[in-house]
Amino acid sequence: MGGGNILAAEKGYRSGCGYGGGFALLVVLFILLIIVGAACFC
């Protein structure tokens, strides 16, 4: 997982702000939380 995925997610969030942008941001944060948690437990 590289920084490019995060940048792509941010672009998608900004371009889709009117279309559930807040929900999209929550999903991105949740995915990042899972990645960080997996890295810690592994």
PDB file of N, CA and C in Angstrom:
ATOM      1  N   MET A   1       0.844  -1.197   0.000  1.00  0.00           N
ATOM      2  CA  MET A   1       0.000   0.000   0.000  1.00  0.00           C
ATOM      3  C   MET A   1       0.880   1.248   0.000  1.00  0.00           C
ATOM      4  N   GLY A   2       0.781   2.049  -1.040  1.00  0.00           N
ATOM      5  CA  GLY A   2       1.604   3.244  -1.120  1.00  0.00           C
ATOM      6  C   GLY A   2       0.792   4.500  -0.888  1.00  0.00           C
ATOM      7  N   GLY A   3       1.476   5.631  -0.892  1.00  0.00           N
ATOM      8  CA  GLY A   3       0.795   6.905  -0.689  1.00  0.00           C
ATOM      9  C   GLY A   3      -0.143   7.240  -1.837  1.00  0.00           C
ATOM     10  N   GLY A   4       0.078   6.633  -3.000  1.00  0.00           N
ATOM     11  CA  GLY A   4      -0.768   6.926  -4.152  1.00  0.00           C
ATOM     12  C   GLY A   4      -2.224   6.578  -3.902  1.00  0.00           C
ATOM     13  N   ASN A   5      -2.460   5.486  -3.171  1.00  0.00           N
ATOM     14  CA  ASN A   5      -3.834   5.088  -2.881  1.00  0.00           C
ATOM     15  C   ASN A   5      -4.525   6.132  -2.021  1.00  0.00           C
ATOM     16  N   ILE A   6      -3.789   6.686  -1.054  1.00  0.00           N
ATOM     17  CA  ILE A   6      -4.371   7.699  -0.177  1.00  0.00           C
ATOM     18  C   ILE A   6      -4.697   8.953  -0.990  1.00  0.00           C
ATOM     19  N   LEU A   7      -3.785   9.337  -1.889  1.00  0.00           N
ATOM     20  CA  LEU A   7      -4.022  10.517  -2.723  1.00  0.00           C
ATOM     21  C   LEU A   7      -5.239  10.300  -3.606  1.00  0.00           C
ATOM     22  N   ALA A   8      -5.380   9.103  -4.157  1.00  0.00           N
ATOM     23  CA  ALA A   8      -6.527   8.793  -5.009  1.00  0.00           C
ATOM     24  C   ALA A   8      -7.815   8.886  -4.196  1.00  0.00           C
ATOM     25  N   ALA A   9      -7.769   8.419  -2.959  1.00  0.00           N
ATOM     26  CA  ALA A   9      -8.948   8.469  -2.091  1.00  0.00           C
ATOM     27  C   ALA A   9      -9.308   9.919  -1.788  1.00  0.00           C
ATOM     28  N   GLU A  10      -8.282  10.746  -1.555  1.00  0.00           N
ATOM     29  CA  GLU A  10      -8.546  12.158  -1.279  1.00  0.00           C
ATOM     30  C   GLU A  10      -9.162  12.838  -2.495  1.00  0.00           C
ATOM     31  N   LYS A  11      -8.653  12.495  -3.684  1.00  0.00           N
ATOM     32  CA  LYS A  11      -9.213  13.079  -4.913  1.00  0.00           C
ATOM     33  C   LYS A  11     -10.675  12.664  -5.051  1.00  0.00           C
ATOM     34  N   GLY A  12     -10.958  11.384  -4.808  1.00  0.00           N
ATOM     35  CA  GLY A  12     -12.327  10.898  -4.911  1.00  0.00           C
ATOM     36  C   GLY A  12     -13.224  11.586  -3.899  1.00  0.00           C
ATOM     37  N   TYR A  13     -12.684  11.850  -2.717  1.00  0.00           N
ATOM     38  CA  TYR A  13     -13.465  12.516  -1.673  1.00  0.00           C
ATOM     39  C   TYR A  13     -13.793  13.943  -2.088  1.00  0.00           C
ATOM     40  N   ARG A  14     -12.790  14.642  -2.637  1.00  0.00           N
ATOM     41  CA  ARG A  14     -13.001  16.046  -3.019  1.00  0.00           C
ATOM     42  C   ARG A  14     -13.965  16.158  -4.195  1.00  0.00           C
ATOM     43  N   SER A  15     -13.826  15.265  -5.172  1.00  0.00           N
ATOM     44  CA  SER A  15     -14.670  15.354  -6.363  1.00  0.00           C
ATOM     45  C   SER A  15     -16.092  14.893  -6.059  1.00  0.00           C
ATOM     46  N   GLY A  16     -16.261  14.043  -5.041  1.00  0.00           N
ATOM     47  CA  GLY A  16     -17.592  13.537  -4.712  1.00  0.00           C
ATOM     48  C   GLY A  16     -18.139  14.134  -3.436  1.00  0.00           C
ATOM     49  N   CYS A  17     -17.743  15.369  -3.146  1.00  0.00           N
ATOM     50  CA  CYS A  17     -18.136  16.002  -1.889  1.00  0.00           C
ATOM     51  C   CYS A  17     -19.657  16.110  -1.773  1.00  0.00           C
ATOM     52  N   GLY A  18     -20.325  16.417  -2.887  1.00  0.00           N
ATOM     53  CA  GLY A  18     -21.770  16.578  -2.838  1.00  0.00           C
ATOM     54  C   GLY A  18     -22.487  15.240  -2.751  1.00  0.00           C
ATOM     55  N   TYR A  19     -21.768  14.162  -3.035  1.00  0.00           N
ATOM     56  CA  TYR A  19     -22.393  12.840  -3.079  1.00  0.00           C
ATOM     57  C   TYR A  19     -21.870  11.979  -1.942  1.00  0.00           C
ATOM     58  N   GLY A  20     -22.389  12.226  -0.729  1.00  0.00           N
ATOM     59  CA  GLY A  20     -21.974  11.424   0.421  1.00  0.00           C
ATOM     60  C   GLY A  20     -20.496  11.562   0.714  1.00  0.00           C
ATOM     61  N   GLY A  21     -19.944  12.761   0.574  1.00  0.00           N
ATOM     62  CA  GLY A  21     -18.515  12.970   0.817  1.00  0.00           C
ATOM     63  C   GLY A  21     -18.119  12.599   2.235  1.00  0.00           C
ATOM     64  N   GLY A  22     -18.978  12.957   3.202  1.00  0.00           N
ATOM     65  CA  GLY A  22     -18.673  12.645   4.600  1.00  0.00           C
ATOM     66  C   GLY A  22     -18.591  11.145   4.825  1.00  0.00           C
ATOM     67  N   PHE A  23     -19.513  10.392   4.224  1.00  0.00           N
ATOM     68  CA  PHE A  23     -19.511   8.933   4.373  1.00  0.00           C
ATOM     69  C   PHE A  23     -18.271   8.336   3.735  1.00  0.00           C
ATOM     70  N   ALA A  24     -17.886   8.868   2.576  1.00  0.00           N
ATOM     71  CA  ALA A  24     -16.687   8.375   1.886  1.00  0.00           C
ATOM     72  C   ALA A  24     -15.458   8.597   2.761  1.00  0.00           C
ATOM     73  N   LEU A  25     -15.401   9.747   3.425  1.00  0.00           N
ATOM     74  CA  LEU A  25     -14.259  10.051   4.293  1.00  0.00           C
ATOM     75  C   LEU A  25     -14.211   9.067   5.450  1.00  0.00           C
ATOM     76  N   LEU A  26     -15.369   8.739   6.017  1.00  0.00           N
ATOM     77  CA  LEU A  26     -15.415   7.772   7.122  1.00  0.00           C
ATOM     78  C   LEU A  26     -14.907   6.415   6.660  1.00  0.00           C
ATOM     79  N   VAL A  27     -15.301   6.008   5.463  1.00  0.00           N
ATOM     80  CA  VAL A  27     -14.859   4.719   4.927  1.00  0.00           C
ATOM     81  C   VAL A  27     -13.344   4.709   4.759  1.00  0.00           C
ATOM     82  N   VAL A  28     -12.792   5.804   4.224  1.00  0.00           N
ATOM     83  CA  VAL A  28     -11.339   5.895   4.026  1.00  0.00           C
ATOM     84  C   VAL A  28     -10.624   5.811   5.365  1.00  0.00           C
ATOM     85  N   LEU A  29     -11.117   6.532   6.365  1.00  0.00           N
ATOM     86  CA  LEU A  29     -10.490   6.506   7.690  1.00  0.00           C
ATOM     87  C   LEU A  29     -10.577   5.107   8.285  1.00  0.00           C
ATOM     88  N   PHE A  30     -11.702   4.426   8.085  1.00  0.00           N
ATOM     89  CA  PHE A  30     -11.884   3.072   8.607  1.00  0.00           C
ATOM     90  C   PHE A  30     -10.889   2.110   7.969  1.00  0.00           C
ATOM     91  N   ILE A  31     -10.703   2.237   6.655  1.00  0.00           N
ATOM     92  CA  ILE A  31      -9.746   1.379   5.945  1.00  0.00           C
ATOM     93  C   ILE A  31      -8.333   1.644   6.445  1.00  0.00           C
ATOM     94  N   LEU A  32      -7.974   2.914   6.623  1.00  0.00           N
ATOM     95  CA  LEU A  32      -6.641   3.259   7.130  1.00  0.00           C
ATOM     96  C   LEU A  32      -6.455   2.670   8.523  1.00  0.00           C
ATOM     97  N   LEU A  33      -7.504   2.715   9.339  1.00  0.00           N
ATOM     98  CA  LEU A  33      -7.434   2.161  10.696  1.00  0.00           C
ATOM     99  C   LEU A  33      -7.152   0.666  10.641  1.00  0.00           C
ATOM    100  N   ILE A  34      -7.807  -0.046   9.726  1.00  0.00           N
ATOM    101  CA  ILE A  34      -7.588  -1.488   9.570  1.00  0.00           C
ATOM    102  C   ILE A  34      -6.149  -1.757   9.144  1.00  0.00           C
ATOM    103  N   ILE A  35      -5.646  -0.961   8.187  1.00  0.00           N
ATOM    104  CA  ILE A  35      -4.273  -1.149   7.697  1.00  0.00           C
ATOM    105  C   ILE A  35      -3.281  -0.939   8.837  1.00  0.00           C
ATOM    106  N   VAL A  36      -3.451   0.136   9.595  1.00  0.00           N
ATOM    107  CA  VAL A  36      -2.540   0.433  10.709  1.00  0.00           C
ATOM    108  C   VAL A  36      -2.641  -0.659  11.764  1.00  0.00           C
ATOM    109  N   GLY A  37      -3.849  -1.102  12.066  1.00  0.00           N
ATOM    110  CA  GLY A  37      -4.040  -2.157  13.063  1.00  0.00           C
ATOM    111  C   GLY A  37      -3.383  -3.454  12.627  1.00  0.00           C
ATOM    112  N   ALA A  38      -3.537  -3.805  11.349  1.00  0.00           N
ATOM    113  CA  ALA A  38      -2.921  -5.029  10.837  1.00  0.00           C
ATOM    114  C   ALA A  38      -1.402  -4.925  10.918  1.00  0.00           C
ATOM    115  N   ALA A  39      -0.865  -3.751  10.604  1.00  0.00           N
ATOM    116  CA  ALA A  39       0.587  -3.554  10.656  1.00  0.00           C
ATOM    117  C   ALA A  39       1.086  -3.718  12.089  1.00  0.00           C
ATOM    118  N   CYS A  40       0.324  -3.230  13.049  1.00  0.00           N
ATOM    119  CA  CYS A  40       0.732  -3.327  14.458  1.00  0.00           C
ATOM    120  C   CYS A  40       0.677  -4.778  14.933  1.00  0.00           C
ATOM    121  N   PHE A  41      -0.382  -5.496  14.576  1.00  0.00           N
ATOM    122  CA  PHE A  41      -0.547  -6.863  15.075  1.00  0.00           C
ATOM    123  C   PHE A  41       0.368  -7.847  14.363  1.00  0.00           C
ATOM    124  N   CYS A  42       0.756  -7.515  13.119  1.00  0.00           N
ATOM    125  CA  CYS A  42       1.678  -8.392  12.395  1.00  0.00           C
ATOM    126  C   CYS A  42       3.100  -8.054  12.807  1.00  0.00           C
TER     127      CYS A  42
END
